[in-house]
């Protein structure tokens, strides 16, 4: 895997996302795509609904592929899997089982 460090001036993301990254102290990882041969950021795995973390399916150091379930949220008595949007290695798990989360909260950080 080939990684690229970028400065805040050249970071290609929305101002709101850039501010959120600064506030949480999370780093941004960029990866060269084997499909497009271009650089893209590796997104954190975020909650797509407001709910409770029911189960964490990964551990720090695990390799995940796009579409792998990393966390299962419970909302309105339904279990909702949260899938990785990109492949990567789990750098940090930011949530814990039983924790209440809001839509958009970071659950897992990938690198």
PDB file of N, CA and C in Angstrom:
ATOM      1  N   UNK A   1       0.853  -1.171   0.000  1.00  0.00           N
ATOM      2  CA  UNK A   1       0.000   0.000   0.000  1.00  0.00           C
ATOM      3  C   UNK A   1       0.894   1.227   0.000  1.00  0.00           C
ATOM      4  N   UNK A   2       0.545   2.187  -0.796  1.00  0.00           N
ATOM      5  CA  UNK A   2       1.319   3.410  -0.911  1.00  0.00           C
ATOM      6  C   UNK A   2       0.512   4.539  -0.279  1.00  0.00           C
ATOM      7  N   UNK A   3       1.117   5.266   0.664  1.00  0.00           N
ATOM      8  CA  UNK A   3       0.413   6.337   1.365  1.00  0.00           C
ATOM      9  C   UNK A   3       1.016   7.682   1.021  1.00  0.00           C
ATOM     10  N   UNK A   4       0.250   8.727   1.183  1.00  0.00           N
ATOM     11  CA  UNK A   4       0.664  10.079   0.846  1.00  0.00           C
ATOM     12  C   UNK A   4       0.300  11.006   1.988  1.00  0.00           C
ATOM     13  N   UNK A   5       1.233  11.804   2.444  1.00  0.00           N
ATOM     14  CA  UNK A   5       0.945  12.825   3.442  1.00  0.00           C
ATOM     15  C   UNK A   5       0.661  14.132   2.725  1.00  0.00           C
ATOM     16  N   UNK A   6      -0.365  14.845   3.158  1.00  0.00           N
ATOM     17  CA  UNK A   6      -0.707  16.121   2.536  1.00  0.00           C
ATOM     18  C   UNK A   6      -0.837  17.175   3.623  1.00  0.00           C
ATOM     19  N   UNK A   7      -0.629  18.413   3.251  1.00  0.00           N
ATOM     20  CA  UNK A   7      -0.795  19.505   4.207  1.00  0.00           C
ATOM     21  C   UNK A   7      -2.265  19.918   4.230  1.00  0.00           C
ATOM     22  N   UNK A   8      -2.646  20.670   5.256  1.00  0.00           N
ATOM     23  CA  UNK A   8      -4.035  21.134   5.351  1.00  0.00           C
ATOM     24  C   UNK A   8      -4.408  21.995   4.154  1.00  0.00           C
ATOM     25  N   UNK A   9      -3.438  22.693   3.571  1.00  0.00           N
ATOM     26  CA  UNK A   9      -3.732  23.565   2.435  1.00  0.00           C
ATOM     27  C   UNK A   9      -4.140  22.777   1.196  1.00  0.00           C
ATOM     28  N   UNK A  10      -3.637  21.546   1.072  1.00  0.00           N
ATOM     29  CA  UNK A  10      -3.933  20.763  -0.128  1.00  0.00           C
ATOM     30  C   UNK A  10      -4.925  19.639   0.140  1.00  0.00           C
ATOM     31  N   UNK A  11      -5.462  19.566   1.365  1.00  0.00           N
ATOM     32  CA  UNK A  11      -6.395  18.509   1.714  1.00  0.00           C
ATOM     33  C   UNK A  11      -7.681  18.668   0.916  1.00  0.00           C
ATOM     34  N   UNK A  12      -8.050  17.630   0.181  1.00  0.00           N
ATOM     35  CA  UNK A  12      -9.206  17.680  -0.705  1.00  0.00           C
ATOM     36  C   UNK A  12     -10.434  17.103   0.007  1.00  0.00           C
ATOM     37  N   UNK A  13     -11.072  17.925   0.834  1.00  0.00           N
ATOM     38  CA  UNK A  13     -12.320  17.530   1.476  1.00  0.00           C
ATOM     39  C   UNK A  13     -13.070  18.806   1.839  1.00  0.00           C
ATOM     40  N   UNK A  14     -14.293  18.647   2.280  1.00  0.00           N
ATOM     41  CA  UNK A  14     -15.110  19.815   2.592  1.00  0.00           C
ATOM     42  C   UNK A  14     -14.549  20.542   3.818  1.00  0.00           C
ATOM     43  N   UNK A  15     -14.786  21.844   3.934  1.00  0.00           N
ATOM     44  CA  UNK A  15     -14.326  22.578   5.115  1.00  0.00           C
ATOM     45  C   UNK A  15     -14.865  21.991   6.418  1.00  0.00           C
ATOM     46  N   UNK A  16     -16.124  21.528   6.416  1.00  0.00           N
ATOM     47  CA  UNK A  16     -16.706  20.941   7.628  1.00  0.00           C
ATOM     48  C   UNK A  16     -15.958  19.671   8.012  1.00  0.00           C
ATOM     49  N   UNK A  17     -15.640  18.838   7.041  1.00  0.00           N
ATOM     50  CA  UNK A  17     -14.902  17.590   7.308  1.00  0.00           C
ATOM     51  C   UNK A  17     -13.498  17.908   7.806  1.00  0.00           C
ATOM     52  N   UNK A  18     -12.858  18.899   7.197  1.00  0.00           N
ATOM     53  CA  UNK A  18     -11.515  19.309   7.607  1.00  0.00           C
ATOM     54  C   UNK A  18     -11.523  19.779   9.066  1.00  0.00           C
ATOM     55  N   UNK A  19     -12.547  20.578   9.443  1.00  0.00           N
ATOM     56  CA  UNK A  19     -12.656  21.058  10.820  1.00  0.00           C
ATOM     57  C   UNK A  19     -12.902  19.899  11.788  1.00  0.00           C
ATOM     58  N   UNK A  20     -13.732  18.937  11.383  1.00  0.00           N
ATOM     59  CA  UNK A  20     -14.010  17.777  12.236  1.00  0.00           C
ATOM     60  C   UNK A  20     -12.740  16.970  12.467  1.00  0.00           C
ATOM     61  N   UNK A  21     -11.928  16.829  11.441  1.00  0.00           N
ATOM     62  CA  UNK A  21     -10.669  16.090  11.569  1.00  0.00           C
ATOM     63  C   UNK A  21      -9.743  16.819  12.527  1.00  0.00           C
ATOM     64  N   UNK A  22      -9.665  18.130  12.400  1.00  0.00           N
ATOM     65  CA  UNK A  22      -8.811  18.914  13.300  1.00  0.00           C
ATOM     66  C   UNK A  22      -9.273  18.787  14.752  1.00  0.00           C
ATOM     67  N   UNK A  23     -10.599  18.860  14.978  1.00  0.00           N
ATOM     68  CA  UNK A  23     -11.137  18.827  16.340  1.00  0.00           C
ATOM     69  C   UNK A  23     -10.937  17.470  17.005  1.00  0.00           C
ATOM     70  N   UNK A  24     -11.078  16.387  16.243  1.00  0.00           N
ATOM     71  CA  UNK A  24     -10.945  15.056  16.836  1.00  0.00           C
ATOM     72  C   UNK A  24      -9.496  14.611  16.919  1.00  0.00           C
ATOM     73  N   UNK A  25      -8.619  15.287  16.182  1.00  0.00           N
ATOM     74  CA  UNK A  25      -7.214  14.903  16.200  1.00  0.00           C
ATOM     75  C   UNK A  25      -6.912  13.698  15.332  1.00  0.00           C
ATOM     76  N   UNK A  26      -7.891  13.228  14.554  1.00  0.00           N
ATOM     77  CA  UNK A  26      -7.651  12.082  13.685  1.00  0.00           C
ATOM     78  C   UNK A  26      -6.821  12.512  12.486  1.00  0.00           C
ATOM     79  N   UNK A  27      -5.977  11.634  12.041  1.00  0.00           N
ATOM     80  CA  UNK A  27      -5.177  11.922  10.851  1.00  0.00           C
ATOM     81  C   UNK A  27      -5.959  11.504   9.615  1.00  0.00           C
ATOM     82  N   UNK A  28      -5.520  11.966   8.489  1.00  0.00           N
ATOM     83  CA  UNK A  28      -6.140  11.601   7.225  1.00  0.00           C
ATOM     84  C   UNK A  28      -5.139  10.778   6.447  1.00  0.00           C
ATOM     85  N   UNK A  29      -5.590   9.684   5.948  1.00  0.00           N
ATOM     86  CA  UNK A  29      -4.729   8.777   5.197  1.00  0.00           C
ATOM     87  C   UNK A  29      -5.192   8.788   3.739  1.00  0.00           C
ATOM     88  N   UNK A  30      -4.253   8.917   2.833  1.00  0.00           N
ATOM     89  CA  UNK A  30      -4.564   8.898   1.410  1.00  0.00           C
ATOM     90  C   UNK A  30      -3.931   7.661   0.812  1.00  0.00           C
ATOM     91  N   UNK A  31      -4.624   7.010  -0.087  1.00  0.00           N
ATOM     92  CA  UNK A  31      -4.150   5.775  -0.691  1.00  0.00           C
ATOM     93  C   UNK A  31      -4.267   5.850  -2.208  1.00  0.00           C
ATOM     94  N   UNK A  32      -3.307   5.257  -2.892  1.00  0.00           N
ATOM     95  CA  UNK A  32      -3.381   5.188  -4.350  1.00  0.00           C
ATOM     96  C   UNK A  32      -4.303   4.031  -4.715  1.00  0.00           C
ATOM     97  N   UNK A  33      -5.337   4.336  -5.476  1.00  0.00           N
ATOM     98  CA  UNK A  33      -6.310   3.331  -5.871  1.00  0.00           C
ATOM     99  C   UNK A  33      -5.748   2.453  -6.973  1.00  0.00           C
ATOM    100  N   UNK A  34      -5.907   1.142  -6.813  1.00  0.00           N
ATOM    101  CA  UNK A  34      -5.439   0.224  -7.854  1.00  0.00           C
ATOM    102  C   UNK A  34      -6.370   0.254  -9.060  1.00  0.00           C
ATOM    103  N   UNK A  35      -7.617   0.690  -8.852  1.00  0.00           N
ATOM    104  CA  UNK A  35      -8.577   0.722  -9.952  1.00  0.00           C
ATOM    105  C   UNK A  35      -8.401   1.970 -10.815  1.00  0.00           C
ATOM    106  N   UNK A  36      -8.325   3.137 -10.152  1.00  0.00           N
ATOM    107  CA  UNK A  36      -8.287   4.392 -10.904  1.00  0.00           C
ATOM    108  C   UNK A  36      -6.890   4.962 -11.047  1.00  0.00           C
ATOM    109  N   UNK A  37      -5.932   4.404 -10.312  1.00  0.00           N
ATOM    110  CA  UNK A  37      -4.539   4.882 -10.304  1.00  0.00           C
ATOM    111  C   UNK A  37      -4.416   6.298  -9.743  1.00  0.00           C
ATOM    112  N   UNK A  38      -5.463   6.802  -9.108  1.00  0.00           N
ATOM    113  CA  UNK A  38      -5.413   8.126  -8.493  1.00  0.00           C
ATOM    114  C   UNK A  38      -5.378   8.010  -6.985  1.00  0.00           C
ATOM    115  N   UNK A  39      -5.172   9.134  -6.303  1.00  0.00           N
ATOM    116  CA  UNK A  39      -5.131   9.163  -4.841  1.00  0.00           C
ATOM    117  C   UNK A  39      -6.510   9.464  -4.304  1.00  0.00           C
ATOM    118  N   UNK A  40      -6.891   8.792  -3.221  1.00  0.00           N
ATOM    119  CA  UNK A  40      -8.149   9.109  -2.549  1.00  0.00           C
ATOM    120  C   UNK A  40      -7.970   8.895  -1.057  1.00  0.00           C
ATOM    121  N   UNK A  41      -8.794   9.582  -0.270  1.00  0.00           N
ATOM    122  CA  UNK A  41      -8.685   9.453   1.180  1.00  0.00           C
ATOM    123  C   UNK A  41      -9.356   8.164   1.637  1.00  0.00           C
ATOM    124  N   UNK A  42      -8.845   7.603   2.721  1.00  0.00           N
ATOM    125  CA  UNK A  42      -9.463   6.430   3.326  1.00  0.00           C
ATOM    126  C   UNK A  42     -10.414   6.960   4.395  1.00  0.00           C
ATOM    127  N   UNK A  43     -11.719   6.801   4.191  1.00  0.00           N
ATOM    128  CA  UNK A  43     -12.662   7.407   5.124  1.00  0.00           C
ATOM    129  C   UNK A  43     -12.750   6.635   6.439  1.00  0.00           C
ATOM    130  N   UNK A  44     -13.055   7.365   7.507  1.00  0.00           N
ATOM    131  CA  UNK A  44     -13.393   6.717   8.766  1.00  0.00           C
ATOM    132  C   UNK A  44     -14.748   6.050   8.573  1.00  0.00           C
ATOM    133  N   UNK A  45     -15.019   5.033   9.362  1.00  0.00           N
ATOM    134  CA  UNK A  45     -16.326   4.388   9.323  1.00  0.00           C
ATOM    135  C   UNK A  45     -17.231   5.155  10.281  1.00  0.00           C
ATOM    136  N   UNK A  46     -18.332   5.676   9.745  1.00  0.00           N
ATOM    137  CA  UNK A  46     -19.225   6.529  10.524  1.00  0.00           C
ATOM    138  C   UNK A  46     -20.601   5.897  10.669  1.00  0.00           C
ATOM    139  N   UNK A  47     -21.288   6.269  11.739  1.00  0.00           N
ATOM    140  CA  UNK A  47     -22.660   5.806  11.962  1.00  0.00           C
ATOM    141  C   UNK A  47     -23.572   6.424  10.906  1.00  0.00           C
ATOM    142  N   UNK A  48     -24.390   5.595  10.281  1.00  0.00           N
ATOM    143  CA  UNK A  48     -25.325   6.107   9.281  1.00  0.00           C
ATOM    144  C   UNK A  48     -26.706   6.376   9.871  1.00  0.00           C
ATOM    145  N   UNK A  49     -26.870   6.017  11.138  1.00  0.00           N
ATOM    146  CA  UNK A  49     -28.128   6.279  11.857  1.00  0.00           C
ATOM    147  C   UNK A  49     -27.806   6.621  13.310  1.00  0.00           C
ATOM    148  N   UNK A  50     -28.766   7.197  14.001  1.00  0.00           N
ATOM    149  CA  UNK A  50     -28.648   7.397  15.443  1.00  0.00           C
ATOM    150  C   UNK A  50     -29.104   6.108  16.117  1.00  0.00           C
ATOM    151  N   UNK A  51     -28.318   5.627  17.064  1.00  0.00           N
ATOM    152  CA  UNK A  51     -28.677   4.379  17.736  1.00  0.00           C
ATOM    153  C   UNK A  51     -27.671   4.041  18.815  1.00  0.00           C
ATOM    154  N   UNK A  52     -27.609   2.764  19.149  1.00  0.00           N
ATOM    155  CA  UNK A  52     -26.702   2.247  20.168  1.00  0.00           C
ATOM    156  C   UNK A  52     -25.776   1.226  19.533  1.00  0.00           C
ATOM    157  N   UNK A  53     -24.495   1.277  19.897  1.00  0.00           N
ATOM    158  CA  UNK A  53     -23.547   0.287  19.389  1.00  0.00           C
ATOM    159  C   UNK A  53     -23.895  -1.044  20.050  1.00  0.00           C
ATOM    160  N   UNK A  54     -24.354  -1.990  19.245  1.00  0.00           N
ATOM    161  CA  UNK A  54     -24.758  -3.293  19.766  1.00  0.00           C
ATOM    162  C   UNK A  54     -23.571  -4.246  19.805  1.00  0.00           C
ATOM    163  N   UNK A  55     -22.766  -4.256  18.709  1.00  0.00           N
ATOM    164  CA  UNK A  55     -21.631  -5.173  18.647  1.00  0.00           C
ATOM    165  C   UNK A  55     -20.544  -4.586  17.756  1.00  0.00           C
ATOM    166  N   UNK A  56     -19.298  -4.733  18.197  1.00  0.00           N
ATOM    167  CA  UNK A  56     -18.144  -4.333  17.390  1.00  0.00           C
ATOM    168  C   UNK A  56     -17.556  -5.600  16.792  1.00  0.00           C
ATOM    169  N   UNK A  57     -17.477  -5.647  15.473  1.00  0.00           N
ATOM    170  CA  UNK A  57     -17.090  -6.859  14.754  1.00  0.00           C
ATOM    171  C   UNK A  57     -15.601  -6.929  14.430  1.00  0.00           C
ATOM    172  N   UNK A  58     -14.832  -5.870  14.722  1.00  0.00           N
ATOM    173  CA  UNK A  58     -13.410  -5.834  14.361  1.00  0.00           C
ATOM    174  C   UNK A  58     -12.572  -5.478  15.582  1.00  0.00           C
ATOM    175  N   UNK A  59     -11.270  -5.671  15.456  1.00  0.00           N
ATOM    176  CA  UNK A  59     -10.317  -5.291  16.493  1.00  0.00           C
ATOM    177  C   UNK A  59      -9.222  -4.449  15.848  1.00  0.00           C
ATOM    178  N   UNK A  60      -8.510  -3.675  16.651  1.00  0.00           N
ATOM    179  CA  UNK A  60      -7.398  -2.880  16.137  1.00  0.00           C
ATOM    180  C   UNK A  60      -6.395  -3.826  15.474  1.00  0.00           C
ATOM    181  N   UNK A  61      -5.964  -3.453  14.281  1.00  0.00           N
ATOM    182  CA  UNK A  61      -5.008  -4.271  13.531  1.00  0.00           C
ATOM    183  C   UNK A  61      -5.653  -5.178  12.503  1.00  0.00           C
ATOM    184  N   UNK A  62      -6.977  -5.368  12.579  1.00  0.00           N
ATOM    185  CA  UNK A  62      -7.671  -6.200  11.594  1.00  0.00           C
ATOM    186  C   UNK A  62      -7.670  -5.528  10.230  1.00  0.00           C
ATOM    187  N   UNK A  63      -7.578  -6.335   9.194  1.00  0.00           N
ATOM    188  CA  UNK A  63      -7.707  -5.845   7.826  1.00  0.00           C
ATOM    189  C   UNK A  63      -9.159  -5.994   7.407  1.00  0.00           C
ATOM    190  N   UNK A  64      -9.734  -4.922   6.867  1.00  0.00           N
ATOM    191  CA  UNK A  64     -11.111  -4.965   6.391  1.00  0.00           C
ATOM    192  C   UNK A  64     -11.142  -4.624   4.910  1.00  0.00           C
ATOM    193  N   UNK A  65     -12.097  -5.195   4.234  1.00  0.00           N
ATOM    194  CA  UNK A  65     -12.321  -4.918   2.822  1.00  0.00           C
ATOM    195  C   UNK A  65     -13.581  -4.080   2.678  1.00  0.00           C
ATOM    196  N   UNK A  66     -13.710  -3.411   1.559  1.00  0.00           N
ATOM    197  CA  UNK A  66     -14.915  -2.636   1.287  1.00  0.00           C
ATOM    198  C   UNK A  66     -16.135  -3.542   1.410  1.00  0.00           C
ATOM    199  N   UNK A  67     -17.120  -3.099   2.201  1.00  0.00           N
ATOM    200  CA  UNK A  67     -18.347  -3.866   2.384  1.00  0.00           C
ATOM    201  C   UNK A  67     -18.362  -4.765   3.602  1.00  0.00           C
ATOM    202  N   UNK A  68     -17.207  -4.935   4.271  1.00  0.00           N
ATOM    203  CA  UNK A  68     -17.170  -5.740   5.494  1.00  0.00           C
ATOM    204  C   UNK A  68     -17.926  -5.029   6.614  1.00  0.00           C
ATOM    205  N   UNK A  69     -18.683  -5.785   7.394  1.00  0.00           N
ATOM    206  CA  UNK A  69     -19.372  -5.224   8.560  1.00  0.00           C
ATOM    207  C   UNK A  69     -18.350  -4.996   9.659  1.00  0.00           C
ATOM    208  N   UNK A  70     -18.279  -3.779  10.171  1.00  0.00           N
ATOM    209  CA  UNK A  70     -17.331  -3.465  11.242  1.00  0.00           C
ATOM    210  C   UNK A  70     -18.030  -3.235  12.580  1.00  0.00           C
ATOM    211  N   UNK A  71     -19.247  -2.719  12.541  1.00  0.00           N
ATOM    212  CA  UNK A  71     -20.024  -2.443  13.752  1.00  0.00           C
ATOM    213  C   UNK A  71     -21.485  -2.745  13.439  1.00  0.00           C
ATOM    214  N   UNK A  72     -22.211  -3.193  14.450  1.00  0.00           N
ATOM    215  CA  UNK A  72     -23.658  -3.361  14.304  1.00  0.00           C
ATOM    216  C   UNK A  72     -24.328  -2.398  15.276  1.00  0.00           C
ATOM    217  N   UNK A  73     -25.192  -1.538  14.728  1.00  0.00           N
ATOM    218  CA  UNK A  73     -25.945  -0.585  15.542  1.00  0.00           C
ATOM    219  C   UNK A  73     -27.349  -1.125  15.778  1.00  0.00           C
ATOM    220  N   UNK A  74     -27.925  -0.762  16.913  1.00  0.00           N
ATOM    221  CA  UNK A  74     -29.307  -1.109  17.215  1.00  0.00           C
ATOM    222  C   UNK A  74     -30.095   0.189  17.275  1.00  0.00           C
ATOM    223  N   UNK A  75     -31.185   0.223  16.528  1.00  0.00           N
ATOM    224  CA  UNK A  75     -32.048   1.395  16.528  1.00  0.00           C
ATOM    225  C   UNK A  75     -33.480   0.930  16.333  1.00  0.00           C
ATOM    226  N   UNK A  76     -34.351   1.345  17.220  1.00  0.00           N
ATOM    227  CA  UNK A  76     -35.771   0.982  17.142  1.00  0.00           C
ATOM    228  C   UNK A  76     -35.944  -0.542  17.084  1.00  0.00           C
ATOM    229  N   UNK A  77     -35.157  -1.247  17.893  1.00  0.00           N
ATOM    230  CA  UNK A  77     -35.205  -2.708  18.020  1.00  0.00           C
ATOM    231  C   UNK A  77     -34.809  -3.436  16.741  1.00  0.00           C
ATOM    232  N   UNK A  78     -34.071  -2.747  15.866  1.00  0.00           N
ATOM    233  CA  UNK A  78     -33.559  -3.364  14.638  1.00  0.00           C
ATOM    234  C   UNK A  78     -32.042  -3.290  14.649  1.00  0.00           C
ATOM    235  N   UNK A  79     -31.398  -4.338  14.183  1.00  0.00           N
ATOM    236  CA  UNK A  79     -29.944  -4.353  14.074  1.00  0.00           C
ATOM    237  C   UNK A  79     -29.558  -3.869  12.674  1.00  0.00           C
ATOM    238  N   UNK A  80     -28.654  -2.880  12.626  1.00  0.00           N
ATOM    239  CA  UNK A  80     -28.243  -2.287  11.357  1.00  0.00           C
ATOM    240  C   UNK A  80     -26.725  -2.403  11.218  1.00  0.00           C
ATOM    241  N   UNK A  81     -26.236  -3.202  10.264  1.00  0.00           N
ATOM    242  CA  UNK A  81     -24.785  -3.310  10.090  1.00  0.00           C
ATOM    243  C   UNK A  81     -24.200  -2.032   9.509  1.00  0.00           C
ATOM    244  N   UNK A  82     -23.015  -1.665   9.986  1.00  0.00           N
ATOM    245  CA  UNK A  82     -22.276  -0.531   9.439  1.00  0.00           C
ATOM    246  C   UNK A  82     -21.077  -1.134   8.715  1.00  0.00           C
ATOM    247  N   UNK A  83     -20.967  -0.854   7.428  1.00  0.00           N
ATOM    248  CA  UNK A  83     -19.937  -1.467   6.598  1.00  0.00           C
ATOM    249  C   UNK A  83     -18.831  -0.480   6.259  1.00  0.00           C
ATOM    250  N   UNK A  84     -17.633  -1.010   6.065  1.00  0.00           N
ATOM    251  CA  UNK A  84     -16.507  -0.188   5.630  1.00  0.00           C
ATOM    252  C   UNK A  84     -16.750   0.264   4.202  1.00  0.00           C
ATOM    253  N   UNK A  85     -16.486   1.533   3.940  1.00  0.00           N
ATOM    254  CA  UNK A  85     -16.656   2.069   2.595  1.00  0.00           C
ATOM    255  C   UNK A  85     -15.404   1.866   1.746  1.00  0.00           C
ATOM    256  N   UNK A  86     -14.319   1.447   2.389  1.00  0.00           N
ATOM    257  CA  UNK A  86     -13.053   1.236   1.698  1.00  0.00           C
ATOM    258  C   UNK A  86     -12.288   0.153   2.442  1.00  0.00           C
ATOM    259  N   UNK A  87     -11.315  -0.443   1.791  1.00  0.00           N
ATOM    260  CA  UNK A  87     -10.480  -1.421   2.486  1.00  0.00           C
ATOM    261  C   UNK A  87      -9.409  -0.685   3.280  1.00  0.00           C
ATOM    262  N   UNK A  88      -8.892  -1.321   4.307  1.00  0.00           N
ATOM    263  CA  UNK A  88      -7.849  -0.720   5.129  1.00  0.00           C
ATOM    264  C   UNK A  88      -7.589  -1.561   6.360  1.00  0.00           C
ATOM    265  N   UNK A  89      -6.792  -1.016   7.245  1.00  0.00           N
ATOM    266  CA  UNK A  89      -6.460  -1.667   8.505  1.00  0.00           C
ATOM    267  C   UNK A  89      -7.064  -0.825   9.631  1.00  0.00           C
ATOM    268  N   UNK A  90      -7.687  -1.487  10.597  1.00  0.00           N
ATOM    269  CA  UNK A  90      -8.307  -0.782  11.721  1.00  0.00           C
ATOM    270  C   UNK A  90      -7.210  -0.165  12.576  1.00  0.00           C
ATOM    271  N   UNK A  91      -7.199   1.166  12.628  1.00  0.00           N
ATOM    272  CA  UNK A  91      -6.205   1.903  13.410  1.00  0.00           C
ATOM    273  C   UNK A  91      -6.709   2.153  14.825  1.00  0.00           C
ATOM    274  N   UNK A  92      -8.000   2.473  14.940  1.00  0.00           N
ATOM    275  CA  UNK A  92      -8.568   2.837  16.238  1.00  0.00           C
ATOM    276  C   UNK A  92     -10.064   2.546  16.239  1.00  0.00           C
ATOM    277  N   UNK A  93     -10.568   2.055  17.363  1.00  0.00           N
ATOM    278  CA  UNK A  93     -12.009   1.887  17.549  1.00  0.00           C
ATOM    279  C   UNK A  93     -12.441   2.987  18.511  1.00  0.00           C
ATOM    280  N   UNK A  94     -13.284   3.885  18.027  1.00  0.00           N
ATOM    281  CA  UNK A  94     -13.627   5.095  18.764  1.00  0.00           C
ATOM    282  C   UNK A  94     -14.878   4.914  19.622  1.00  0.00           C
ATOM    283  N   UNK A  95     -15.607   3.825  19.414  1.00  0.00           N
ATOM    284  CA  UNK A  95     -16.848   3.591  20.153  1.00  0.00           C
ATOM    285  C   UNK A  95     -16.704   2.364  21.049  1.00  0.00           C
ATOM    286  N   UNK A  96     -17.714   2.144  21.876  1.00  0.00           N
ATOM    287  CA  UNK A  96     -17.740   0.942  22.713  1.00  0.00           C
ATOM    288  C   UNK A  96     -19.149   0.364  22.681  1.00  0.00           C
ATOM    289  N   UNK A  97     -19.243  -0.931  22.924  1.00  0.00           N
ATOM    290  CA  UNK A  97     -20.556  -1.575  22.927  1.00  0.00           C
ATOM    291  C   UNK A  97     -21.434  -0.956  24.005  1.00  0.00           C
ATOM    292  N   UNK A  98     -22.673  -0.663  23.638  1.00  0.00           N
ATOM    293  CA  UNK A  98     -23.610  -0.031  24.555  1.00  0.00           C
ATOM    294  C   UNK A  98     -23.630   1.486  24.483  1.00  0.00           C
ATOM    295  N   UNK A  99     -22.704   2.061  23.738  1.00  0.00           N
ATOM    296  CA  UNK A  99     -22.608   3.518  23.624  1.00  0.00           C
ATOM    297  C   UNK A  99     -23.665   4.059  22.664  1.00  0.00           C
ATOM    298  N   UNK A 100     -24.287   5.158  23.040  1.00  0.00           N
ATOM    299  CA  UNK A 100     -25.227   5.850  22.150  1.00  0.00           C
ATOM    300  C   UNK A 100     -24.429   6.687  21.152  1.00  0.00           C
ATOM    301  N   UNK A 101     -24.802   6.611  19.870  1.00  0.00           N
ATOM    302  CA  UNK A 101     -24.118   7.373  18.825  1.00  0.00           C
ATOM    303  C   UNK A 101     -25.144   8.103  17.976  1.00  0.00           C
ATOM    304  N   UNK A 102     -24.693   9.182  17.358  1.00  0.00           N
ATOM    305  CA  UNK A 102     -25.536   9.961  16.446  1.00  0.00           C
ATOM    306  C   UNK A 102     -25.082   9.724  15.011  1.00  0.00           C
ATOM    307  N   UNK A 103     -25.972   9.995  14.093  1.00  0.00           N
ATOM    308  CA  UNK A 103     -25.635   9.879  12.684  1.00  0.00           C
ATOM    309  C   UNK A 103     -24.410  10.746  12.381  1.00  0.00           C
ATOM    310  N   UNK A 104     -23.412  10.162  11.722  1.00  0.00           N
ATOM    311  CA  UNK A 104     -22.204  10.887  11.354  1.00  0.00           C
ATOM    312  C   UNK A 104     -21.062  10.743  12.348  1.00  0.00           C
ATOM    313  N   UNK A 105     -21.323  10.169  13.530  1.00  0.00           N
ATOM    314  CA  UNK A 105     -20.248   9.958  14.507  1.00  0.00           C
ATOM    315  C   UNK A 105     -19.254   8.933  13.968  1.00  0.00           C
ATOM    316  N   UNK A 106     -17.966   9.185  14.189  1.00  0.00           N
ATOM    317  CA  UNK A 106     -16.935   8.236  13.788  1.00  0.00           C
ATOM    318  C   UNK A 106     -16.960   7.049  14.743  1.00  0.00           C
ATOM    319  N   UNK A 107     -16.973   5.845  14.171  1.00  0.00           N
ATOM    320  CA  UNK A 107     -16.989   4.617  14.965  1.00  0.00           C
ATOM    321  C   UNK A 107     -15.633   3.918  14.935  1.00  0.00           C
ATOM    322  N   UNK A 108     -15.039   3.854  13.734  1.00  0.00           N
ATOM    323  CA  UNK A 108     -13.768   3.151  13.527  1.00  0.00           C
ATOM    324  C   UNK A 108     -12.903   3.990  12.594  1.00  0.00           C
ATOM    325  N   UNK A 109     -11.617   4.087  12.932  1.00  0.00           N
ATOM    326  CA  UNK A 109     -10.661   4.810  12.089  1.00  0.00           C
ATOM    327  C   UNK A 109      -9.829   3.785  11.328  1.00  0.00           C
ATOM    328  N   UNK A 110      -9.771   3.943  10.006  1.00  0.00           N
ATOM    329  CA  UNK A 110      -8.972   3.057   9.154  1.00  0.00           C
ATOM    330  C   UNK A 110      -7.717   3.774   8.688  1.00  0.00           C
ATOM    331  N   UNK A 111      -6.714   3.004   8.350  1.00  0.00           N
ATOM    332  CA  UNK A 111      -5.512   3.566   7.710  1.00  0.00           C
ATOM    333  C   UNK A 111      -5.112   2.703   6.546  1.00  0.00           C
TER     334      UNK A 111
END
